Amino acid sequence: SSGGMATNVGALVFDIGSYSVRAGYAGEDCPKADFPTVIGVTLDREDGSTPMETDGDKGKQSGTTYYIDTNQLRVPRESMEVMSPLKNGMIEDWDSFQAILDHTYKMHFKSEPSLHPVLMSEASWNTRAKREKLTELMFEHYNIPAFFLCKSAVLSAFANGRSTGLVLDSGATHTTAIPVHDGYVLQQGIVKSPLAGDFMSMQYVKKDTDAVREGAPASWKKKEKLPQVTRSWHNYMCNCVIQDFQASVLQVSDSPYDEQVAAQMPTVHYELPNGYNCDFGAERLKIPEGLFDPSNAKGLSGNTMLGVGHVVTTSVGMCDIDIRPGLYGSVVVTGGNTLIQGFTDRLNRELSQKTPPHEAEADRQQHHSGAPLQCLDRRLHPGIARNLPADVDLQTGVRGGREAVCGQEVSLIPHPVSASLSPSPFDTSSASSIVLL
């Protein structure tokens, strides 16, 4: 163990999600790094040259060049494929994942990894084999002094001042309800749905496909003299535009979608990068409605997917009956997809209607708070970096010390991070809490 380490060291926190990488110093207000998780990859040609003159990072594999961060990724390059090192929230491509860590240390922290202990979030369904491989990478390659892995749902709950609650995480690739009890994730209660940000982007593409008259002039002109870009890069750039549209225009209706009500909604003007502009009305509500009511989604034949409200109630129903009131009383909402206007209001309404009467009454007896629903920044979950421990000596009972790992079989201690949290009052600025009254 590394118990003799100085108390005030610059512990680093990494939160690597399907959409973005967030990393910073524990105790600071905001992450120092916040950039896309997807990266660009090019392979050198047989003659040893790259398709274009590049300034990317050379990869571990000979002949591979990585382009990481927004400025590098958005430059059109011949034969550059865009890919993600994660699949289903877990690390799949270890070489590109290591390239992301190298880039973060070199370009954002600008410090030697061996000087800083690391706390890293992980998916609640991560496997032991992947945890062990990640631990070996951090100790053996980066030579860090101490390392601690924690479930992202637990961090989100603690960042909102709760050791028990239900964490609803709606991000890019999936929406997940994760019950947390006394700092532990209840694995049997995890419920996942693919209805998330990427799904909504596809709904927009289908919704905005207009019929074209034969012989009509094109509404836009393709740029000339561009490199021969790949389909993956083209799709990534289109998704970037759609995501900006979603954040600027879309709104979740506070009640089930009604065509007549939607027609009365004020329109929002939006202009696409190619100059095409339009006023959007009813589609502002129609597109995100599929998150809560999958029957309204296009392209889902024989749909058995769960809407957001049903994801929560199904998860709670799979837990012990004695803790259900506590879960319903502390629903922590996090993830970038929940930032759509009206998302939390609709969820609050649905949970109020779906909560069984006897559990709602038990919740009223346990929770007397009349605090209004908080609408705060939920994309930077799980509380990086203000809500995570700067005093790493408090972690000595739960972290994996370098001496305990290197040269021996990896042994990870499954323990909540209650011992690693600062003794100061919890900060509640990184997540939103829904309390049913």
Protein backbone atom coordinates (compact mmCIF):
# COMPACT_ATOMS: atom_id res chain seq x y z
CA SER A 1 0.00 0.00 0.00
CA SER A 2 1.07 3.62 -0.48
CA GLY A 3 0.01 4.86 2.93
CA GLY A 4 3.18 6.89 3.43
CA MET A 5 2.47 9.15 0.49
CA ALA A 6 2.17 12.87 1.08
CA THR A 7 -1.36 14.02 1.75
CA ASN A 8 -1.57 16.96 -0.65
CA VAL A 9 -0.77 15.42 -4.02
CA GLY A 10 -2.37 16.20 -7.35
CA ALA A 11 -4.70 13.24 -7.75
CA LEU A 12 -6.14 12.94 -11.25
CA VAL A 13 -9.70 11.92 -12.12
CA PHE A 14 -10.64 10.31 -15.46
CA ASP A 15 -14.23 9.88 -16.65
CA ILE A 16 -14.15 8.30 -20.12
CA GLY A 17 -17.61 7.87 -21.58
CA SER A 18 -18.98 6.82 -24.95
CA TYR A 19 -19.29 10.44 -26.09
CA SER A 20 -16.50 12.39 -24.39
CA VAL A 21 -13.37 12.14 -22.26
CA ARG A 22 -13.35 14.28 -19.12
CA ALA A 23 -10.28 14.47 -16.93
CA GLY A 24 -9.01 16.87 -14.31
CA TYR A 25 -7.42 17.41 -10.93
CA ALA A 26 -9.44 16.30 -7.92
CA GLY A 27 -10.80 19.31 -6.06
CA GLU A 28 -11.05 21.65 -9.06
CA ASP A 29 -14.35 23.06 -10.34
CA CYS A 30 -14.10 21.81 -13.94
CA PRO A 31 -12.16 19.16 -15.84
CA LYS A 32 -8.99 20.33 -17.58
CA ALA A 33 -9.76 18.06 -20.52
CA ASP A 34 -13.09 17.59 -22.27
CA PHE A 35 -12.86 16.19 -25.79
CA PRO A 36 -14.54 13.51 -27.96
CA THR A 37 -13.91 9.86 -27.17
CA VAL A 38 -13.87 8.91 -30.85
CA ILE A 39 -10.51 9.25 -32.59
CA GLY A 40 -9.24 9.35 -36.15
CA VAL A 41 -6.96 6.54 -37.32
CA THR A 42 -4.82 6.32 -40.47
CA LEU A 43 -2.52 3.53 -41.60
CA ASP A 44 0.74 4.26 -43.39
CA ARG A 45 1.00 3.09 -46.98
CA GLU A 46 3.31 0.31 -48.08
CA ASP A 47 5.95 2.84 -49.15
CA GLY A 48 6.01 4.22 -45.60
CA SER A 49 4.17 7.45 -46.36
CA THR A 50 0.92 8.58 -44.81
CA PRO A 51 -2.07 9.60 -46.99
CA MET A 52 -1.56 13.24 -46.00
CA GLU A 53 1.13 15.22 -44.24
CA THR A 54 0.10 14.81 -40.63
CA ASP A 55 0.83 16.02 -37.13
CA GLY A 56 -1.03 13.29 -35.29
CA ASP A 57 0.28 10.94 -32.62
CA LYS A 58 2.12 7.82 -33.72
CA GLY A 59 0.43 4.76 -32.32
CA LYS A 60 1.82 1.74 -30.56
CA GLN A 61 1.21 -0.34 -33.66
CA SER A 62 3.77 0.40 -36.36
CA GLY A 63 2.25 2.44 -39.17
CA THR A 64 -0.74 3.73 -37.19
CA THR A 65 -1.36 7.44 -36.63
CA TYR A 66 -4.03 8.70 -34.22
CA TYR A 67 -5.85 12.04 -34.42
CA ILE A 68 -7.31 12.98 -31.05
CA ASP A 69 -9.29 16.00 -29.85
CA THR A 70 -11.70 18.20 -31.76
CA ASN A 71 -9.21 20.25 -33.79
CA GLN A 72 -7.40 17.17 -35.08
CA LEU A 73 -10.51 15.11 -35.66
CA ARG A 74 -12.46 17.60 -37.77
CA VAL A 75 -9.79 18.10 -40.42
CA PRO A 76 -10.74 16.13 -43.57
CA ARG A 77 -8.01 13.59 -44.24
CA GLU A 78 -7.76 10.93 -46.88
CA SER A 79 -8.47 7.40 -45.61
CA MET A 80 -8.88 8.47 -41.97
CA GLU A 81 -11.34 6.21 -40.18
CA VAL A 82 -13.22 7.48 -37.13
CA MET A 83 -13.66 4.92 -34.38
CA SER A 84 -14.29 4.61 -30.66
CA PRO A 85 -12.13 2.56 -28.28
CA LEU A 86 -15.26 1.74 -26.25
CA LYS A 87 -18.08 -0.67 -26.92
CA ASN A 88 -21.10 -0.87 -24.66
CA GLY A 89 -19.32 1.48 -22.26
CA MET A 90 -16.32 -0.84 -21.83
CA ILE A 91 -12.83 -0.69 -23.33
CA GLU A 92 -12.61 -2.71 -26.54
CA ASP A 93 -9.57 -1.32 -28.41
CA TRP A 94 -6.73 -1.03 -25.91
CA ASP A 95 -4.23 0.58 -28.30
CA SER A 96 -6.50 3.51 -29.12
CA PHE A 97 -7.54 3.80 -25.46
CA GLN A 98 -3.88 4.09 -24.52
CA ALA A 99 -3.45 6.74 -27.22
CA ILE A 100 -6.22 8.76 -25.53
CA LEU A 101 -4.47 8.52 -22.16
CA ASP A 102 -1.13 9.51 -23.75
CA HIS A 103 -2.77 12.53 -25.35
CA THR A 104 -4.43 13.58 -22.09
CA TYR A 105 -1.20 13.44 -20.10
CA LYS A 106 0.84 15.15 -22.82
CA MET A 107 -1.50 17.88 -24.05
CA HIS A 108 -3.75 18.65 -21.07
CA PHE A 109 -1.95 17.76 -17.84
CA LYS A 110 1.57 18.25 -19.25
CA SER A 111 2.94 16.29 -16.34
CA GLU A 112 4.57 12.94 -15.70
CA PRO A 113 1.99 10.21 -14.92
CA SER A 114 4.23 8.81 -12.17
CA LEU A 115 3.62 11.94 -10.06
CA HIS A 116 -0.15 11.55 -9.72
CA PRO A 117 -2.49 8.96 -8.19
CA VAL A 118 -5.48 8.25 -10.44
CA LEU A 119 -9.18 7.73 -9.80
CA MET A 120 -11.05 6.45 -12.85
CA SER A 121 -14.75 5.81 -13.35
CA GLU A 122 -15.98 2.61 -14.97
CA ALA A 123 -19.25 1.24 -16.28
CA SER A 124 -21.31 -0.52 -13.63
CA TRP A 125 -21.33 -3.70 -15.75
CA ASN A 126 -17.58 -3.71 -16.44
CA THR A 127 -15.94 -7.15 -16.29
CA ARG A 128 -13.22 -8.25 -13.91
CA ALA A 129 -10.86 -9.13 -16.78
CA LYS A 130 -11.06 -5.61 -18.21
CA ARG A 131 -10.56 -4.06 -14.76
CA GLU A 132 -7.43 -6.13 -14.22
CA LYS A 133 -6.03 -5.26 -17.64
CA LEU A 134 -6.66 -1.55 -17.05
CA THR A 135 -4.99 -1.74 -13.64
CA GLU A 136 -1.92 -3.39 -15.16
CA LEU A 137 -1.78 -0.71 -17.87
CA MET A 138 -1.89 2.14 -15.36
CA PHE A 139 0.75 0.65 -13.04
CA GLU A 140 3.14 -0.96 -15.50
CA HIS A 141 3.00 1.49 -18.42
CA TYR A 142 2.26 4.80 -16.70
CA ASN A 143 3.99 3.93 -13.42
CA ILE A 144 1.37 5.72 -11.32
CA PRO A 145 1.72 5.55 -7.50
CA ALA A 146 -1.91 4.59 -6.73
CA PHE A 147 -5.04 3.68 -8.66
CA PHE A 148 -8.72 3.41 -7.77
CA LEU A 149 -11.60 2.29 -9.99
CA CYS A 150 -15.14 3.25 -9.04
CA LYS A 151 -18.53 2.70 -10.65
CA SER A 152 -19.68 5.89 -12.35
CA ALA A 153 -23.18 5.48 -10.87
CA VAL A 154 -21.76 5.47 -7.34
CA LEU A 155 -19.76 8.62 -8.08
CA SER A 156 -22.85 10.34 -9.48
CA ALA A 157 -24.87 9.43 -6.39
CA PHE A 158 -22.17 10.62 -3.97
CA ALA A 159 -21.67 13.82 -5.97
CA ASN A 160 -25.34 14.57 -5.33
CA GLY A 161 -25.02 13.83 -1.62
CA ARG A 162 -26.66 10.40 -1.62
CA SER A 163 -25.32 6.96 -0.81
CA THR A 164 -28.63 5.33 -1.79
CA GLY A 165 -30.62 6.20 -4.87
CA LEU A 166 -31.38 5.30 -8.45
CA VAL A 167 -29.00 6.79 -11.03
CA LEU A 168 -30.53 7.35 -14.46
CA ASP A 169 -27.68 7.84 -16.92
CA SER A 170 -28.76 8.79 -20.43
CA GLY A 171 -25.78 9.38 -22.67
CA ALA A 172 -24.84 8.82 -26.30
CA THR A 173 -25.23 5.07 -26.74
CA HIS A 174 -27.60 3.92 -24.01
CA THR A 175 -29.92 4.94 -21.20
CA THR A 176 -29.33 3.01 -18.00
CA ALA A 177 -31.04 2.85 -14.62
CA ILE A 178 -28.61 1.76 -11.90
CA PRO A 179 -29.74 1.25 -8.29
CA VAL A 180 -27.17 2.21 -5.65
CA HIS A 181 -27.61 1.13 -2.02
CA ASP A 182 -25.20 2.23 0.72
CA GLY A 183 -22.53 2.96 -1.88
CA TYR A 184 -22.83 -0.35 -3.72
CA VAL A 185 -24.30 -0.95 -7.17
CA LEU A 186 -27.09 -3.56 -7.12
CA GLN A 187 -26.14 -5.52 -10.23
CA GLN A 188 -29.44 -7.42 -10.42
CA GLY A 189 -31.34 -4.14 -10.82
CA ILE A 190 -29.41 -2.63 -13.76
CA VAL A 191 -31.70 -1.98 -16.74
CA LYS A 192 -30.38 -0.71 -20.08
CA SER A 193 -32.10 0.69 -23.14
CA PRO A 194 -30.59 1.78 -26.49
CA LEU A 195 -32.97 4.77 -26.58
CA ALA A 196 -30.38 7.52 -26.07
CA GLY A 197 -28.60 10.35 -27.87
CA ASP A 198 -27.43 8.41 -30.93
CA PHE A 199 -30.90 6.89 -31.33
CA MET A 200 -32.44 10.37 -31.32
CA SER A 201 -29.94 11.52 -33.95
CA MET A 202 -31.14 8.74 -36.25
CA GLN A 203 -34.74 9.80 -35.62
CA TYR A 204 -33.87 13.28 -36.88
CA VAL A 205 -32.26 11.89 -40.04
CA LYS A 206 -35.42 9.90 -40.85
CA LYS A 207 -37.75 12.75 -39.92
CA ASP A 208 -35.92 15.35 -42.01
CA THR A 209 -35.80 13.34 -45.25
CA ASP A 210 -37.87 15.43 -47.64
CA ALA A 211 -39.24 14.39 -51.02
CA VAL A 212 -37.36 15.93 -53.96
CA ARG A 213 -39.08 17.01 -57.18
CA GLU A 214 -37.62 15.51 -60.33
CA GLY A 215 -35.39 18.04 -62.07
CA ALA A 216 -35.29 20.41 -59.09
CA PRO A 217 -31.90 22.07 -58.45
CA ALA A 218 -29.84 20.82 -55.53
CA SER A 219 -30.35 22.77 -52.30
CA TRP A 220 -26.64 22.57 -51.55
CA LYS A 221 -23.39 22.16 -53.44
CA LYS A 222 -20.77 19.59 -52.61
CA LYS A 223 -17.38 21.06 -51.79
CA GLU A 224 -14.68 20.36 -54.33
CA LYS A 225 -10.97 19.65 -53.90
CA LEU A 226 -11.47 17.78 -50.64
CA PRO A 227 -9.50 14.64 -49.75
CA GLN A 228 -11.18 11.29 -50.30
CA VAL A 229 -12.72 11.08 -46.83
CA THR A 230 -14.12 7.86 -45.38
CA ARG A 231 -17.76 7.09 -44.68
CA SER A 232 -17.06 6.95 -40.92
CA TRP A 233 -15.61 10.48 -40.93
CA HIS A 234 -18.53 11.76 -43.02
CA ASN A 235 -21.02 10.22 -40.59
CA TYR A 236 -19.17 11.68 -37.60
CA MET A 237 -19.31 15.20 -39.02
CA CYS A 238 -23.01 14.81 -39.83
CA ASN A 239 -23.65 13.67 -36.26
CA CYS A 240 -21.86 16.74 -34.92
CA VAL A 241 -24.30 18.96 -36.81
CA ILE A 242 -27.30 16.91 -35.67
CA GLN A 243 -26.16 17.07 -32.04
CA ASP A 244 -25.96 20.85 -32.23
CA PHE A 245 -29.45 20.88 -33.72
CA GLN A 246 -30.73 18.69 -30.89
CA ALA A 247 -29.29 20.95 -28.22
CA SER A 248 -30.63 24.11 -29.89
CA VAL A 249 -34.07 23.06 -31.12
CA LEU A 250 -35.50 19.92 -29.52
CA GLN A 251 -37.74 19.87 -26.48
CA VAL A 252 -39.41 17.04 -24.58
CA SER A 253 -43.15 17.52 -24.10
CA ASP A 254 -44.22 17.59 -20.45
CA SER A 255 -47.06 15.17 -21.31
CA PRO A 256 -47.53 12.41 -23.91
CA TYR A 257 -47.20 13.77 -27.43
CA ASP A 258 -50.34 15.30 -28.90
CA GLU A 259 -50.35 16.57 -32.49
CA GLN A 260 -52.70 19.47 -31.79
CA VAL A 261 -50.75 20.64 -28.75
CA ALA A 262 -47.47 20.36 -30.64
CA ALA A 263 -48.86 22.49 -33.45
CA GLN A 264 -49.40 25.33 -30.96
CA MET A 265 -45.75 25.32 -29.87
CA PRO A 266 -43.66 28.32 -30.93
CA THR A 267 -41.22 27.58 -33.72
CA VAL A 268 -37.45 27.76 -33.39
CA HIS A 269 -35.26 29.00 -36.23
CA TYR A 270 -32.13 27.00 -37.04
CA GLU A 271 -29.54 27.37 -39.80
CA LEU A 272 -27.38 24.48 -40.94
CA PRO A 273 -23.70 24.98 -41.83
CA ASN A 274 -24.43 24.89 -45.57
CA GLY A 275 -26.79 27.87 -45.24
CA TYR A 276 -30.07 25.96 -45.30
CA ASN A 277 -32.37 27.37 -42.63
CA CYS A 278 -35.84 26.56 -41.45
CA ASP A 279 -38.36 27.16 -38.68
CA PHE A 280 -39.05 23.98 -36.73
CA GLY A 281 -42.38 23.51 -34.97
CA ALA A 282 -44.10 20.23 -34.10
CA GLU A 283 -41.00 18.16 -34.91
CA ARG A 284 -39.30 19.80 -31.94
CA LEU A 285 -41.47 17.60 -29.71
CA LYS A 286 -42.01 14.67 -32.07
CA ILE A 287 -38.36 13.63 -32.42
CA PRO A 288 -37.47 13.26 -28.70
CA GLU A 289 -40.86 11.70 -27.85
CA GLY A 290 -39.44 8.31 -28.82
CA LEU A 291 -37.23 8.41 -25.71
CA PHE A 292 -40.29 8.18 -23.46
CA ASP A 293 -42.73 6.46 -25.82
CA PRO A 294 -40.93 4.08 -28.23
CA SER A 295 -44.15 3.57 -30.20
CA ASN A 296 -43.61 7.07 -31.62
CA ALA A 297 -40.14 6.18 -32.90
CA LYS A 298 -39.59 5.45 -36.58
CA GLY A 299 -38.01 2.22 -37.75
CA LEU A 300 -38.77 0.14 -34.65
CA SER A 301 -40.96 -2.70 -35.87
CA GLY A 302 -42.26 -5.06 -33.20
CA ASN A 303 -40.78 -2.74 -30.61
CA THR A 304 -40.11 -4.15 -27.16
CA MET A 305 -37.80 -1.38 -25.96
CA LEU A 306 -38.45 0.45 -22.71
CA GLY A 307 -39.00 4.18 -22.57
CA VAL A 308 -37.10 6.25 -20.02
CA GLY A 309 -39.86 6.13 -17.41
CA HIS A 310 -40.25 2.37 -17.73
CA VAL A 311 -36.48 1.90 -17.46
CA VAL A 312 -36.61 3.51 -14.00
CA THR A 313 -39.68 1.64 -12.73
CA THR A 314 -38.42 -1.70 -14.07
CA SER A 315 -35.08 -1.22 -12.33
CA VAL A 316 -36.71 -0.34 -9.00
CA GLY A 317 -39.07 -3.31 -9.34
CA MET A 318 -36.10 -5.69 -9.62
CA CYS A 319 -34.75 -4.58 -6.23
CA ASP A 320 -35.74 -5.65 -2.73
CA ILE A 321 -39.13 -4.26 -1.75
CA ASP A 322 -37.75 -2.70 1.44
CA ILE A 323 -35.40 -0.32 -0.40
CA ARG A 324 -37.75 0.71 -3.22
CA PRO A 325 -39.12 3.83 -1.47
CA GLY A 326 -35.56 5.07 -0.95
CA LEU A 327 -34.77 4.54 -4.63
CA TYR A 328 -37.91 6.33 -5.81
CA GLY A 329 -37.12 9.18 -3.42
CA SER A 330 -33.60 9.73 -4.78
CA VAL A 331 -33.54 9.54 -8.56
CA VAL A 332 -30.29 11.11 -9.76
CA VAL A 333 -30.41 12.16 -13.41
CA THR A 334 -27.11 12.41 -15.28
CA GLY A 335 -25.69 12.21 -18.79
CA GLY A 336 -25.61 14.65 -21.69
CA ASN A 337 -28.85 13.38 -23.23
CA THR A 338 -30.80 14.56 -20.16
CA LEU A 339 -29.91 18.18 -20.95
CA ILE A 340 -32.63 18.34 -23.61
CA GLN A 341 -35.14 20.96 -22.55
CA GLY A 342 -38.03 19.41 -20.61
CA PHE A 343 -36.39 16.00 -20.02
CA THR A 344 -36.45 16.08 -16.22
CA ASP A 345 -39.93 17.62 -16.06
CA ARG A 346 -41.34 14.80 -18.19
CA LEU A 347 -39.51 12.17 -16.16
CA ASN A 348 -40.77 13.65 -12.90
CA ARG A 349 -44.34 13.55 -14.22
CA GLU A 350 -44.06 9.95 -15.43
CA LEU A 351 -42.54 8.68 -12.20
CA SER A 352 -45.24 10.42 -10.18
CA GLN A 353 -47.86 8.54 -12.20
CA LYS A 354 -46.07 5.18 -12.27
CA THR A 355 -45.00 4.96 -8.61
CA PRO A 356 -47.13 2.37 -6.75
CA PRO A 357 -49.31 4.10 -4.11
CA HIS A 358 -47.91 2.18 -1.12
CA GLU A 359 -44.32 2.96 -2.16
CA ALA A 360 -45.15 6.61 -2.79
CA GLU A 361 -46.62 6.83 0.74
CA ALA A 362 -43.53 5.19 2.25
CA ASP A 363 -41.40 7.67 0.33
CA ARG A 364 -43.36 10.61 1.78
CA GLN A 365 -42.71 9.31 5.29
CA GLN A 366 -38.97 8.97 4.63
CA HIS A 367 -38.41 12.19 2.65
CA HIS A 368 -39.94 15.45 3.86
CA SER A 369 -37.85 17.72 1.68
CA GLY A 370 -39.81 20.13 -0.45
CA ALA A 371 -36.82 21.18 -2.55
CA PRO A 372 -37.70 21.93 -6.17
CA LEU A 373 -36.27 19.88 -9.01
CA GLN A 374 -32.70 20.97 -9.71
CA CYS A 375 -31.71 21.65 -13.32
CA LEU A 376 -27.93 21.82 -13.16
CA ASP A 377 -25.02 20.71 -15.34
CA ARG A 378 -25.38 16.97 -15.74
CA ARG A 379 -23.00 16.33 -18.64
CA LEU A 380 -19.84 16.52 -16.55
CA HIS A 381 -20.87 13.66 -14.27
CA PRO A 382 -19.75 12.09 -12.05
CA GLY A 383 -18.75 15.34 -10.36
CA ILE A 384 -15.37 15.95 -11.95
CA ALA A 385 -13.46 17.22 -10.28
CA ARG A 386 -14.89 19.21 -7.39
CA ASN A 387 -16.73 16.32 -5.76
CA LEU A 388 -13.94 13.77 -5.94
CA PRO A 389 -11.19 13.22 -3.37
CA ALA A 390 -8.09 15.38 -3.36
CA ASP A 391 -6.88 13.87 -0.07
CA VAL A 392 -5.70 10.52 -1.44
CA ASP A 393 -4.47 9.32 1.97
CA LEU A 394 -8.15 8.73 2.77
CA GLN A 395 -8.16 6.10 0.02
CA THR A 396 -5.52 3.83 1.52
CA GLY A 397 -8.09 1.30 2.70
CA VAL A 398 -9.73 0.85 -0.68
CA ARG A 399 -7.32 1.66 -3.47
CA GLY A 400 -4.91 -0.64 -5.24
CA GLY A 401 -1.39 0.41 -4.30
CA ARG A 402 1.41 -0.05 -6.79
CA GLU A 403 3.26 -2.46 -4.49
CA ALA A 404 0.16 -4.64 -4.24
CA VAL A 405 -0.13 -5.06 -7.99
CA CYS A 406 3.21 -4.95 -9.79
CA GLY A 407 4.84 -8.34 -9.96
CA GLN A 408 1.88 -10.05 -8.33
CA GLU A 409 -1.60 -11.17 -9.27
CA VAL A 410 -3.90 -8.18 -9.55
CA SER A 411 -6.26 -7.94 -6.60
CA LEU A 412 -9.03 -5.36 -6.77
CA ILE A 413 -11.02 -4.61 -3.64
CA PRO A 414 -14.76 -4.19 -4.32
CA HIS A 415 -15.56 -1.39 -1.89
CA PRO A 416 -17.61 1.79 -2.14
CA VAL A 417 -15.76 5.09 -2.21
CA SER A 418 -17.22 6.39 1.03
CA ALA A 419 -13.77 6.23 2.59
CA SER A 420 -12.27 8.20 -0.27
CA LEU A 421 -14.65 11.14 -0.19
CA SER A 422 -13.67 14.39 1.38
CA PRO A 423 -15.17 14.88 4.87
CA SER A 424 -16.54 18.26 3.78
CA PRO A 425 -20.28 18.51 2.95
CA PHE A 426 -21.32 16.97 -0.33
CA ASP A 427 -21.52 19.26 -3.32
CA THR A 428 -24.74 18.87 -5.30
CA SER A 429 -23.85 20.75 -8.47
CA SER A 430 -23.14 17.87 -10.83
CA ALA A 431 -26.45 16.04 -11.00
CA SER A 432 -30.16 16.59 -10.75
CA SER A 433 -32.29 14.92 -8.11
CA ILE A 434 -35.96 14.09 -8.48
CA VAL A 435 -37.74 13.79 -5.14
CA LEU A 436 -41.33 12.58 -5.33
CA LEU A 437 -43.46 14.35 -2.75
